[in-house]
PDB file of all heavy atoms in Angstrom:
ATOM      1  N   THR A   1       0.791  -1.242   0.000  1.00  0.00           N
ATOM      2  CA  THR A   1       0.000   0.000   0.000  1.00  0.00           C
ATOM      3  C   THR A   1       0.817   1.283   0.000  1.00  0.00           C
ATOM      4  O   THR A   1       0.249   2.365  -0.118  1.00  0.00           O
ATOM      5  CB  THR A   1      -0.968   0.034   1.205  1.00  0.00           C
ATOM      6  OG1 THR A   1      -0.221   0.237   2.415  1.00  0.00           O
ATOM      7  CG2 THR A   1      -1.774  -1.252   1.307  1.00  0.00           C
ATOM      8  N   ASN A   2       2.167   1.192   0.160  1.00  0.00           N
ATOM      9  CA  ASN A   2       2.975   2.407   0.109  1.00  0.00           C
ATOM     10  C   ASN A   2       2.699   3.189  -1.171  1.00  0.00           C
ATOM     11  O   ASN A   2       2.581   4.427  -1.169  1.00  0.00           O
ATOM     12  CB  ASN A   2       4.448   2.044   0.218  1.00  0.00           C
ATOM     13  CG  ASN A   2       5.381   3.236   0.019  1.00  0.00           C
ATOM     14  OD1 ASN A   2       6.016   3.390  -1.037  1.00  0.00           O
ATOM     15  ND2 ASN A   2       5.464   4.099   1.013  1.00  0.00           N
ATOM     16  N   LYS A   3       2.594   2.448  -2.283  1.00  0.00           N
ATOM     17  CA  LYS A   3       2.242   3.005  -3.576  1.00  0.00           C
ATOM     18  C   LYS A   3       1.837   1.844  -4.461  1.00  0.00           C
ATOM     19  O   LYS A   3       2.511   0.818  -4.480  1.00  0.00           O
ATOM     20  CB  LYS A   3       3.437   3.760  -4.187  1.00  0.00           C
ATOM     21  CG  LYS A   3       3.089   5.015  -4.919  1.00  0.00           C
ATOM     22  CD  LYS A   3       4.309   5.807  -5.323  1.00  0.00           C
ATOM     23  CE  LYS A   3       3.898   7.108  -5.994  1.00  0.00           C
ATOM     24  NZ  LYS A   3       5.092   7.899  -6.428  1.00  0.00           N
ATOM     25  N   TYR A   4       0.741   1.977  -5.170  1.00  0.00           N
ATOM     26  CA  TYR A   4       0.231   0.844  -5.942  1.00  0.00           C
ATOM     27  C   TYR A   4       0.840   0.736  -7.332  1.00  0.00           C
ATOM     28  O   TYR A   4       0.867  -0.335  -7.915  1.00  0.00           O
ATOM     29  CB  TYR A   4      -1.301   0.925  -6.065  1.00  0.00           C
ATOM     30  CG  TYR A   4      -2.016   0.863  -4.740  1.00  0.00           C
ATOM     31  CD1 TYR A   4      -2.774   1.942  -4.282  1.00  0.00           C
ATOM     32  CD2 TYR A   4      -1.920  -0.267  -3.933  1.00  0.00           C
ATOM     33  CE1 TYR A   4      -3.422   1.897  -3.065  1.00  0.00           C
ATOM     34  CE2 TYR A   4      -2.562  -0.323  -2.697  1.00  0.00           C
ATOM     35  CZ  TYR A   4      -3.317   0.768  -2.268  1.00  0.00           C
ATOM     36  OH  TYR A   4      -3.954   0.716  -1.050  1.00  0.00           O
ATOM     37  N   SER A   5       1.311   1.840  -7.885  1.00  0.00           N
ATOM     38  CA  SER A   5       1.704   1.850  -9.296  1.00  0.00           C
ATOM     39  C   SER A   5       3.115   1.348  -9.608  1.00  0.00           C
ATOM     40  O   SER A   5       3.375   0.907 -10.716  1.00  0.00           O
ATOM     41  CB  SER A   5       1.554   3.269  -9.873  1.00  0.00           C
ATOM     42  OG  SER A   5       2.323   4.217  -9.138  1.00  0.00           O
ATOM     43  N   PRO A   6       4.096   1.370  -8.660  1.00  0.00           N
ATOM     44  CA  PRO A   6       5.451   0.924  -9.029  1.00  0.00           C
ATOM     45  C   PRO A   6       5.537  -0.575  -9.278  1.00  0.00           C
ATOM     46  O   PRO A   6       4.762  -1.363  -8.736  1.00  0.00           O
ATOM     47  CB  PRO A   6       6.304   1.323  -7.816  1.00  0.00           C
ATOM     48  CG  PRO A   6       5.488   2.305  -7.068  1.00  0.00           C
ATOM     49  CD  PRO A   6       4.061   1.925  -7.295  1.00  0.00           C
ATOM     50  N   CYS A   7       6.538  -0.952 -10.069  1.00  0.00           N
ATOM     51  CA  CYS A   7       6.725  -2.363 -10.388  1.00  0.00           C
ATOM     52  C   CYS A   7       7.253  -3.167  -9.211  1.00  0.00           C
ATOM     53  O   CYS A   7       7.236  -4.395  -9.238  1.00  0.00           O
ATOM     54  CB  CYS A   7       7.672  -2.527 -11.579  1.00  0.00           C
ATOM     55  SG  CYS A   7       9.293  -1.759 -11.353  1.00  0.00           S
ATOM     56  N   ASN A   8       7.737  -2.495  -8.138  1.00  0.00           N
ATOM     57  CA  ASN A   8       8.243  -3.227  -6.972  1.00  0.00           C
ATOM     58  C   ASN A   8       7.215  -3.363  -5.852  1.00  0.00           C
ATOM     59  O   ASN A   8       7.554  -3.813  -4.753  1.00  0.00           O
ATOM     60  CB  ASN A   8       9.535  -2.593  -6.442  1.00  0.00           C
ATOM     61  CG  ASN A   8       9.363  -1.128  -6.075  1.00  0.00           C
ATOM     62  OD1 ASN A   8       8.242  -0.638  -5.897  1.00  0.00           O
ATOM     63  ND2 ASN A   8      10.470  -0.409  -5.948  1.00  0.00           N
ATOM     64  N   ALA A   9       5.968  -2.964  -6.099  1.00  0.00           N
ATOM     65  CA  ALA A   9       4.906  -3.198  -5.117  1.00  0.00           C
ATOM     66  C   ALA A   9       4.544  -4.682  -5.116  1.00  0.00           C
ATOM     67  O   ALA A   9       4.503  -5.324  -6.162  1.00  0.00           O
ATOM     68  CB  ALA A   9       3.680  -2.359  -5.458  1.00  0.00           C
ATOM     69  N   SER A  10       4.293  -5.242  -3.950  1.00  0.00           N
ATOM     70  CA  SER A  10       3.922  -6.659  -3.863  1.00  0.00           C
ATOM     71  C   SER A  10       2.529  -6.880  -4.433  1.00  0.00           C
ATOM     72  O   SER A  10       1.583  -6.171  -4.083  1.00  0.00           O
ATOM     73  CB  SER A  10       3.968  -7.150  -2.420  1.00  0.00           C
ATOM     74  OG  SER A  10       5.289  -7.434  -2.017  1.00  0.00           O
ATOM     75  N   GLU A  11       2.420  -7.878  -5.289  1.00  0.00           N
ATOM     76  CA  GLU A  11       1.129  -8.229  -5.888  1.00  0.00           C
ATOM     77  C   GLU A  11       0.592  -9.545  -5.337  1.00  0.00           C
ATOM     78  O   GLU A  11      -0.578  -9.850  -5.506  1.00  0.00           O
ATOM     79  CB  GLU A  11       1.254  -8.326  -7.419  1.00  0.00           C
ATOM     80  CG  GLU A  11       1.857  -7.108  -8.085  1.00  0.00           C
ATOM     81  CD  GLU A  11       0.933  -5.897  -8.123  1.00  0.00           C
ATOM     82  OE1 GLU A  11       0.033  -5.807  -7.259  1.00  0.00           O
ATOM     83  OE2 GLU A  11       1.110  -5.027  -9.006  1.00  0.00           O
ATOM     84  N   GLY A  12       1.483 -10.326  -4.699  1.00  0.00           N
ATOM     85  CA  GLY A  12       1.080 -11.607  -4.129  1.00  0.00           C
ATOM     86  C   GLY A  12       1.542 -11.714  -2.686  1.00  0.00           C
ATOM     87  O   GLY A  12       2.660 -11.320  -2.349  1.00  0.00           O
ATOM     88  N   LEU A  13       0.678 -12.236  -1.834  1.00  0.00           N
ATOM     89  CA  LEU A  13       1.002 -12.461  -0.429  1.00  0.00           C
ATOM     90  C   LEU A  13       0.871 -13.951  -0.146  1.00  0.00           C
ATOM     91  O   LEU A  13      -0.204 -14.530  -0.304  1.00  0.00           O
ATOM     92  CB  LEU A  13       0.052 -11.649   0.471  1.00  0.00           C
ATOM     93  CG  LEU A  13       0.222 -11.827   1.985  1.00  0.00           C
ATOM     94  CD1 LEU A  13       1.579 -11.311   2.455  1.00  0.00           C
ATOM     95  CD2 LEU A  13      -0.898 -11.092   2.745  1.00  0.00           C
ATOM     96  N   LEU A  14       1.976 -14.561   0.256  1.00  0.00           N
ATOM     97  CA  LEU A  14       1.999 -15.976   0.613  1.00  0.00           C
ATOM     98  C   LEU A  14       2.192 -16.070   2.124  1.00  0.00           C
ATOM     99  O   LEU A  14       3.038 -15.374   2.685  1.00  0.00           O
ATOM    100  CB  LEU A  14       3.127 -16.700  -0.114  1.00  0.00           C
ATOM    101  CG  LEU A  14       3.131 -16.576  -1.649  1.00  0.00           C
ATOM    102  CD1 LEU A  14       4.388 -17.224  -2.217  1.00  0.00           C
ATOM    103  CD2 LEU A  14       1.878 -17.198  -2.246  1.00  0.00           C
ATOM    104  N   VAL A  15       1.417 -16.930   2.769  1.00  0.00           N
ATOM    105  CA  VAL A  15       1.463 -17.024   4.226  1.00  0.00           C
ATOM    106  C   VAL A  15       1.583 -18.487   4.645  1.00  0.00           C
ATOM    107  O   VAL A  15       0.799 -19.331   4.202  1.00  0.00           O
ATOM    108  CB  VAL A  15       0.196 -16.402   4.868  1.00  0.00           C
ATOM    109  CG1 VAL A  15       0.332 -16.389   6.389  1.00  0.00           C
ATOM    110  CG2 VAL A  15      -0.039 -14.993   4.342  1.00  0.00           C
ATOM    111  N   ALA A  16       2.579 -18.771   5.479  1.00  0.00           N
ATOM    112  CA  ALA A  16       2.753 -20.134   5.986  1.00  0.00           C
ATOM    113  C   ALA A  16       1.551 -20.519   6.847  1.00  0.00           C
ATOM    114  O   ALA A  16       1.058 -19.718   7.644  1.00  0.00           O
ATOM    115  CB  ALA A  16       4.046 -20.240   6.779  1.00  0.00           C
ATOM    116  N   ARG A  17       1.128 -21.757   6.679  1.00  0.00           N
ATOM    117  CA  ARG A  17      -0.077 -22.230   7.380  1.00  0.00           C
ATOM    118  C   ARG A  17       0.049 -22.073   8.894  1.00  0.00           C
ATOM    119  O   ARG A  17      -0.939 -21.746   9.574  1.00  0.00           O
ATOM    120  CB  ARG A  17      -0.329 -23.698   7.002  1.00  0.00           C
ATOM    121  CG  ARG A  17      -1.630 -24.263   7.547  1.00  0.00           C
ATOM    122  CD  ARG A  17      -1.987 -25.572   6.854  1.00  0.00           C
ATOM    123  NE  ARG A  17      -2.443 -25.325   5.482  1.00  0.00           N
ATOM    124  CZ  ARG A  17      -1.806 -25.767   4.390  1.00  0.00           C
ATOM    125  NH1 ARG A  17      -0.664 -26.435   4.477  1.00  0.00           N
ATOM    126  NH2 ARG A  17      -2.294 -25.515   3.201  1.00  0.00           N
ATOM    127  N   GLY A  18       1.244 -22.243   9.436  1.00  0.00           N
ATOM    128  CA  GLY A  18       1.443 -22.182  10.882  1.00  0.00           C
ATOM    129  C   GLY A  18       1.166 -20.820  11.497  1.00  0.00           C
ATOM    130  O   GLY A  18       0.923 -20.721  12.709  1.00  0.00           O
ATOM    131  N   VAL A  19       1.223 -19.738  10.719  1.00  0.00           N
ATOM    132  CA  VAL A  19       0.972 -18.392  11.257  1.00  0.00           C
ATOM    133  C   VAL A  19      -0.234 -17.729  10.610  1.00  0.00           C
ATOM    134  O   VAL A  19      -0.603 -16.605  10.965  1.00  0.00           O
ATOM    135  CB  VAL A  19       2.211 -17.474  11.099  1.00  0.00           C
ATOM    136  CG1 VAL A  19       3.392 -17.997  11.897  1.00  0.00           C
ATOM    137  CG2 VAL A  19       2.578 -17.292   9.623  1.00  0.00           C
ATOM    138  N   ALA A  20      -0.864 -18.406   9.665  1.00  0.00           N
ATOM    139  CA  ALA A  20      -1.932 -17.793   8.873  1.00  0.00           C
ATOM    140  C   ALA A  20      -3.104 -17.327   9.722  1.00  0.00           C
ATOM    141  O   ALA A  20      -3.658 -16.241   9.516  1.00  0.00           O
ATOM    142  CB  ALA A  20      -2.406 -18.763   7.790  1.00  0.00           C
ATOM    143  N   ALA A  21      -3.509 -18.158  10.713  1.00  0.00           N
ATOM    144  CA  ALA A  21      -4.677 -17.805  11.536  1.00  0.00           C
ATOM    145  C   ALA A  21      -4.433 -16.557  12.370  1.00  0.00           C
ATOM    146  O   ALA A  21      -5.359 -15.789  12.662  1.00  0.00           O
ATOM    147  CB  ALA A  21      -5.042 -18.981  12.441  1.00  0.00           C
ATOM    148  N   GLN A  22      -3.169 -16.319  12.750  1.00  0.00           N
ATOM    149  CA  GLN A  22      -2.832 -15.113  13.513  1.00  0.00           C
ATOM    150  C   GLN A  22      -2.594 -13.909  12.597  1.00  0.00           C
ATOM    151  O   GLN A  22      -3.006 -12.779  12.907  1.00  0.00           O
ATOM    152  CB  GLN A  22      -1.566 -15.354  14.354  1.00  0.00           C
ATOM    153  CG  GLN A  22      -1.717 -16.389  15.465  1.00  0.00           C
ATOM    154  CD  GLN A  22      -0.358 -16.712  16.064  1.00  0.00           C
ATOM    155  OE1 GLN A  22       0.414 -17.500  15.524  1.00  0.00           O
ATOM    156  NE2 GLN A  22      -0.059 -16.066  17.183  1.00  0.00           N
ATOM    157  N   PHE A  23      -1.928 -14.155  11.469  1.00  0.00           N
ATOM    158  CA  PHE A  23      -1.479 -13.057  10.620  1.00  0.00           C
ATOM    159  C   PHE A  23      -2.575 -12.504   9.710  1.00  0.00           C
ATOM    160  O   PHE A  23      -2.738 -11.284   9.602  1.00  0.00           O
ATOM    161  CB  PHE A  23      -0.288 -13.516   9.778  1.00  0.00           C
ATOM    162  CG  PHE A  23       0.166 -12.506   8.766  1.00  0.00           C
ATOM    163  CD1 PHE A  23       0.933 -11.411   9.145  1.00  0.00           C
ATOM    164  CD2 PHE A  23      -0.188 -12.630   7.425  1.00  0.00           C
ATOM    165  CE1 PHE A  23       1.341 -10.465   8.219  1.00  0.00           C
ATOM    166  CE2 PHE A  23       0.222 -11.692   6.495  1.00  0.00           C
ATOM    167  CZ  PHE A  23       0.988 -10.614   6.891  1.00  0.00           C
ATOM    168  N   LEU A  24      -3.303 -13.370   9.036  1.00  0.00           N
ATOM    169  CA  LEU A  24      -4.209 -12.908   7.995  1.00  0.00           C
ATOM    170  C   LEU A  24      -5.308 -11.961   8.496  1.00  0.00           C
ATOM    171  O   LEU A  24      -5.580 -10.944   7.842  1.00  0.00           O
ATOM    172  CB  LEU A  24      -4.815 -14.102   7.245  1.00  0.00           C
ATOM    173  CG  LEU A  24      -3.896 -14.691   6.145  1.00  0.00           C
ATOM    174  CD1 LEU A  24      -4.512 -15.945   5.545  1.00  0.00           C
ATOM    175  CD2 LEU A  24      -3.637 -13.655   5.055  1.00  0.00           C
ATOM    176  N   PRO A  25      -5.962 -12.236   9.639  1.00  0.00           N
ATOM    177  CA  PRO A  25      -6.964 -11.257  10.093  1.00  0.00           C
ATOM    178  C   PRO A  25      -6.372  -9.872  10.368  1.00  0.00           C
ATOM    179  O   PRO A  25      -7.034  -8.849  10.124  1.00  0.00           O
ATOM    180  CB  PRO A  25      -7.505 -11.895  11.380  1.00  0.00           C
ATOM    181  CG  PRO A  25      -7.270 -13.369  11.201  1.00  0.00           C
ATOM    182  CD  PRO A  25      -5.972 -13.458  10.477  1.00  0.00           C
ATOM    183  N   ARG A  26      -5.117  -9.818  10.834  1.00  0.00           N
ATOM    184  CA  ARG A  26      -4.482  -8.525  11.125  1.00  0.00           C
ATOM    185  C   ARG A  26      -4.175  -7.758   9.850  1.00  0.00           C
ATOM    186  O   ARG A  26      -4.511  -6.581   9.723  1.00  0.00           O
ATOM    187  CB  ARG A  26      -3.203  -8.731  11.954  1.00  0.00           C
ATOM    188  CG  ARG A  26      -3.463  -9.190  13.377  1.00  0.00           C
ATOM    189  CD  ARG A  26      -2.160  -9.357  14.169  1.00  0.00           C
ATOM    190  NE  ARG A  26      -1.429  -8.082  14.299  1.00  0.00           N
ATOM    191  CZ  ARG A  26      -0.248  -7.965  14.892  1.00  0.00           C
ATOM    192  NH1 ARG A  26       0.327  -9.048  15.434  1.00  0.00           N
ATOM    193  NH2 ARG A  26       0.355  -6.775  14.958  1.00  0.00           N
ATOM    194  N   ILE A  27      -3.519  -8.413   8.882  1.00  0.00           N
ATOM    195  CA  ILE A  27      -3.202  -7.710   7.638  1.00  0.00           C
ATOM    196  C   ILE A  27      -4.489  -7.461   6.845  1.00  0.00           C
ATOM    197  O   ILE A  27      -4.622  -6.419   6.171  1.00  0.00           O
ATOM    198  CB  ILE A  27      -2.156  -8.483   6.799  1.00  0.00           C
ATOM    199  CG1 ILE A  27      -1.593  -7.567   5.695  1.00  0.00           C
ATOM    200  CG2 ILE A  27      -2.768  -9.742   6.153  1.00  0.00           C
ATOM    201  CD1 ILE A  27      -0.799  -6.399   6.187  1.00  0.00           C
ATOM    202  N   GLY A  28      -5.436  -8.375   6.952  1.00  0.00           N
ATOM    203  CA  GLY A  28      -6.708  -8.207   6.250  1.00  0.00           C
ATOM    204  C   GLY A  28      -7.450  -6.960   6.705  1.00  0.00           C
ATOM    205  O   GLY A  28      -8.044  -6.234   5.897  1.00  0.00           O
ATOM    206  N   ALA A  29      -7.409  -6.684   8.019  1.00  0.00           N
ATOM    207  CA  ALA A  29      -8.075  -5.490   8.560  1.00  0.00           C
ATOM    208  C   ALA A  29      -7.436  -4.221   8.007  1.00  0.00           C
ATOM    209  O   ALA A  29      -8.140  -3.243   7.689  1.00  0.00           O
ATOM    210  CB  ALA A  29      -8.016  -5.508  10.080  1.00  0.00           C
ATOM    211  N   ILE A  30      -6.104  -4.225   7.865  1.00  0.00           N
ATOM    212  CA  ILE A  30      -5.401  -3.052   7.313  1.00  0.00           C
ATOM    213  C   ILE A  30      -5.741  -2.874   5.837  1.00  0.00           C
ATOM    214  O   ILE A  30      -6.047  -1.768   5.384  1.00  0.00           O
ATOM    215  CB  ILE A  30      -3.880  -3.195   7.516  1.00  0.00           C
ATOM    216  CG1 ILE A  30      -3.547  -3.096   9.007  1.00  0.00           C
ATOM    217  CG2 ILE A  30      -3.115  -2.136   6.725  1.00  0.00           C
ATOM    218  CD1 ILE A  30      -2.117  -3.431   9.349  1.00  0.00           C
ATOM    219  N   TYR A  31      -5.680  -3.965   5.082  1.00  0.00           N
ATOM    220  CA  TYR A  31      -6.023  -3.886   3.662  1.00  0.00           C
ATOM    221  C   TYR A  31      -7.476  -3.434   3.477  1.00  0.00           C
ATOM    222  O   TYR A  31      -7.781  -2.615   2.597  1.00  0.00           O
ATOM    223  CB  TYR A  31      -5.803  -5.230   2.980  1.00  0.00           C
ATOM    224  CG  TYR A  31      -4.352  -5.615   2.768  1.00  0.00           C
ATOM    225  CD1 TYR A  31      -4.002  -6.936   2.489  1.00  0.00           C
ATOM    226  CD2 TYR A  31      -3.328  -4.676   2.826  1.00  0.00           C
ATOM    227  CE1 TYR A  31      -2.681  -7.308   2.282  1.00  0.00           C
ATOM    228  CE2 TYR A  31      -2.001  -5.034   2.628  1.00  0.00           C
ATOM    229  CZ  TYR A  31      -1.684  -6.360   2.355  1.00  0.00           C
ATOM    230  OH  TYR A  31      -0.368  -6.719   2.149  1.00  0.00           O
ATOM    231  N   ALA A  32      -8.371  -3.967   4.294  1.00  0.00           N
ATOM    232  CA  ALA A  32      -9.787  -3.591   4.183  1.00  0.00           C
ATOM    233  C   ALA A  32      -9.974  -2.098   4.437  1.00  0.00           C
ATOM    234  O   ALA A  32     -10.710  -1.413   3.710  1.00  0.00           O
ATOM    235  CB  ALA A  32     -10.630  -4.411   5.159  1.00  0.00           C
ATOM    236  N   ALA A  33      -9.289  -1.582   5.457  1.00  0.00           N
ATOM    237  CA  ALA A  33      -9.397  -0.157   5.801  1.00  0.00           C
ATOM    238  C   ALA A  33      -8.876   0.734   4.674  1.00  0.00           C
ATOM    239  O   ALA A  33      -9.330   1.866   4.502  1.00  0.00           O
ATOM    240  CB  ALA A  33      -8.642   0.128   7.088  1.00  0.00           C
ATOM    241  N   LYS A  34      -7.910   0.209   3.899  1.00  0.00           N
ATOM    242  CA  LYS A  34      -7.318   0.987   2.797  1.00  0.00           C
ATOM    243  C   LYS A  34      -7.958   0.693   1.448  1.00  0.00           C
ATOM    244  O   LYS A  34      -7.487   1.189   0.413  1.00  0.00           O
ATOM    245  CB  LYS A  34      -5.805   0.734   2.738  1.00  0.00           C
ATOM    246  CG  LYS A  34      -5.073   1.245   3.975  1.00  0.00           C
ATOM    247  CD  LYS A  34      -3.565   1.063   3.871  1.00  0.00           C
ATOM    248  CE  LYS A  34      -2.855   1.642   5.089  1.00  0.00           C
ATOM    249  NZ  LYS A  34      -1.374   1.519   5.000  1.00  0.00           N
ATOM    250  N   GLY A  35      -8.986  -0.124   1.442  1.00  0.00           N
ATOM    251  CA  GLY A  35      -9.713  -0.408   0.205  1.00  0.00           C
ATOM    252  C   GLY A  35      -9.027  -1.376  -0.730  1.00  0.00           C
ATOM    253  O   GLY A  35      -9.261  -1.354  -1.944  1.00  0.00           O
ATOM    254  N   VAL A  36      -8.167  -2.256  -0.186  1.00  0.00           N
ATOM    255  CA  VAL A  36      -7.457  -3.228  -1.014  1.00  0.00           C
ATOM    256  C   VAL A  36      -8.315  -4.484  -1.177  1.00  0.00           C
ATOM    257  O   VAL A  36      -8.728  -5.094  -0.195  1.00  0.00           O
ATOM    258  CB  VAL A  36      -6.091  -3.606  -0.397  1.00  0.00           C
ATOM    259  CG1 VAL A  36      -5.406  -4.693  -1.233  1.00  0.00           C
ATOM    260  CG2 VAL A  36      -5.202  -2.371  -0.292  1.00  0.00           C
ATOM    261  N   GLU A  37      -8.579  -4.862  -2.403  1.00  0.00           N
ATOM    262  CA  GLU A  37      -9.321  -6.089  -2.693  1.00  0.00           C
ATOM    263  C   GLU A  37      -8.393  -7.291  -2.531  1.00  0.00           C
ATOM    264  O   GLU A  37      -7.260  -7.282  -3.029  1.00  0.00           O
ATOM    265  CB  GLU A  37      -9.862  -6.037  -4.122  1.00  0.00           C
ATOM    266  CG  GLU A  37     -10.630  -7.271  -4.559  1.00  0.00           C
ATOM    267  CD  GLU A  37     -11.055  -7.181  -6.010  1.00  0.00           C
ATOM    268  OE1 GLU A  37     -11.699  -6.175  -6.379  1.00  0.00           O
ATOM    269  OE2 GLU A  37     -10.728  -8.115  -6.771  1.00  0.00           O
ATOM    270  N   MET A  38      -8.856  -8.328  -1.836  1.00  0.00           N
ATOM    271  CA  MET A  38      -8.054  -9.523  -1.607  1.00  0.00           C
ATOM    272  C   MET A  38      -8.648 -10.703  -2.365  1.00  0.00           C
ATOM    273  O   MET A  38      -9.804 -11.080  -2.151  1.00  0.00           O
ATOM    274  CB  MET A  38      -7.992  -9.825  -0.103  1.00  0.00           C
ATOM    275  CG  MET A  38      -7.174  -8.809   0.679  1.00  0.00           C
ATOM    276  SD  MET A  38      -7.421  -8.891   2.484  1.00  0.00           S
ATOM    277  CE  MET A  38      -8.863  -7.806   2.691  1.00  0.00           C
ATOM    278  N   ARG A  39      -7.839 -11.264  -3.283  1.00  0.00           N
ATOM    279  CA  ARG A  39      -8.264 -12.423  -4.065  1.00  0.00           C
ATOM    280  C   ARG A  39      -7.521 -13.642  -3.537  1.00  0.00           C
ATOM    281  O   ARG A  39      -6.317 -13.799  -3.761  1.00  0.00           O
ATOM    282  CB  ARG A  39      -7.988 -12.194  -5.549  1.00  0.00           C
ATOM    283  CG  ARG A  39      -8.713 -10.966  -6.099  1.00  0.00           C
ATOM    284  CD  ARG A  39      -8.479 -10.783  -7.584  1.00  0.00           C
ATOM    285  NE  ARG A  39      -9.100  -9.551  -8.056  1.00  0.00           N
ATOM    286  CZ  ARG A  39      -9.035  -9.094  -9.308  1.00  0.00           C
ATOM    287  NH1 ARG A  39      -8.346  -9.797 -10.209  1.00  0.00           N
ATOM    288  NH2 ARG A  39      -9.624  -7.962  -9.642  1.00  0.00           N
TER     289      ARG A  39
END
């Protein structure tokens, strides 16, 4: 979210299963607040 247009912005997020239940709701809340669509 720093900037959407540069070629070095992350387009894919991979999350290890062992931390997914803790991590994804936290990052998801931030993305949701900033209007980022998650596929």
